[in-house]
Amino acid sequence: MSDTMASQRRKIGGAGDLQSVVRTMKALAASSDKKSLHTSEKATV
């Protein structure tokens, strides 16, 4: 049973790491979109 507990802990830890990666990717995408919008606004002005 301890093997199962260790396995579950690894899965939970991995899920936390994945959530962190997704959060970072979303922030980078939002930042990239803002830069792209800003650049296109300069081009049209």
C-alpha atoms as a PDB file:
ATOM      1  CA  MET A   1       0.000   0.000   0.000  1.00  0.00           C
ATOM      2  CA  SER A   2       2.880   2.408   0.627  1.00  0.00           C
ATOM      3  CA  ASP A   3       3.885   2.006  -3.046  1.00  0.00           C
ATOM      4  CA  THR A   4       0.412   3.161  -4.027  1.00  0.00           C
ATOM      5  CA  MET A   5       0.663   6.167  -1.704  1.00  0.00           C
ATOM      6  CA  ALA A   6       4.054   7.101  -3.149  1.00  0.00           C
ATOM      7  CA  SER A   7       2.664   6.772  -6.642  1.00  0.00           C
ATOM      8  CA  GLN A   8      -0.284   9.017  -5.786  1.00  0.00           C
ATOM      9  CA  ARG A   9       2.041  11.601  -4.257  1.00  0.00           C
ATOM     10  CA  ARG A  10       4.140  11.643  -7.435  1.00  0.00           C
ATOM     11  CA  LYS A  11       1.015  12.086  -9.551  1.00  0.00           C
ATOM     12  CA  ILE A  12      -0.205  14.950  -7.370  1.00  0.00           C
ATOM     13  CA  GLY A  13       3.217  16.583  -7.507  1.00  0.00           C
ATOM     14  CA  GLY A  14       3.325  16.157 -11.270  1.00  0.00           C
ATOM     15  CA  ALA A  15      -0.135  17.686 -11.624  1.00  0.00           C
ATOM     16  CA  GLY A  16       1.023  20.696  -9.608  1.00  0.00           C
ATOM     17  CA  ASP A  17       4.053  21.079 -11.869  1.00  0.00           C
ATOM     18  CA  LEU A  18       1.853  20.827 -14.956  1.00  0.00           C
ATOM     19  CA  GLN A  19      -0.509  23.469 -13.572  1.00  0.00           C
ATOM     20  CA  SER A  20       2.472  25.747 -13.041  1.00  0.00           C
ATOM     21  CA  VAL A  21       3.619  25.250 -16.635  1.00  0.00           C
ATOM     22  CA  VAL A  22       0.124  25.940 -18.005  1.00  0.00           C
ATOM     23  CA  ARG A  23      -0.158  29.110 -15.909  1.00  0.00           C
ATOM     24  CA  THR A  24       3.211  30.319 -17.254  1.00  0.00           C
ATOM     25  CA  MET A  25       2.243  29.523 -20.852  1.00  0.00           C
ATOM     26  CA  LYS A  26      -1.037  31.426 -20.478  1.00  0.00           C
ATOM     27  CA  ALA A  27       0.806  34.445 -19.088  1.00  0.00           C
ATOM     28  CA  LEU A  28       3.305  34.363 -21.945  1.00  0.00           C
ATOM     29  CA  ALA A  29       0.522  34.040 -24.516  1.00  0.00           C
ATOM     30  CA  ALA A  30      -1.355  36.985 -23.008  1.00  0.00           C
ATOM     31  CA  SER A  31       1.815  39.057 -22.995  1.00  0.00           C
ATOM     32  CA  SER A  32       2.545  38.106 -26.590  1.00  0.00           C
ATOM     33  CA  ASP A  33      -1.002  39.046 -27.658  1.00  0.00           C
ATOM     34  CA  LYS A  34      -0.662  42.468 -26.015  1.00  0.00           C
ATOM     35  CA  LYS A  35       2.673  43.095 -27.739  1.00  0.00           C
ATOM     36  CA  SER A  36       1.215  42.004 -31.069  1.00  0.00           C
ATOM     37  CA  LEU A  37      -1.785  44.296 -30.617  1.00  0.00           C
ATOM     38  CA  HIS A  38       0.461  47.181 -29.637  1.00  0.00           C
ATOM     39  CA  THR A  39       2.669  46.608 -32.699  1.00  0.00           C
ATOM     40  CA  SER A  40      -0.321  46.465 -35.070  1.00  0.00           C
ATOM     41  CA  GLU A  41      -1.730  49.672 -33.574  1.00  0.00           C
ATOM     42  CA  LYS A  42       1.566  51.443 -34.281  1.00  0.00           C
ATOM     43  CA  ALA A  43       1.482  50.202 -37.869  1.00  0.00           C
ATOM     44  CA  THR A  44      -2.003  51.597 -38.492  1.00  0.00           C
ATOM     45  CA  VAL A  45      -1.388  55.000 -36.875  1.00  0.00           C
END
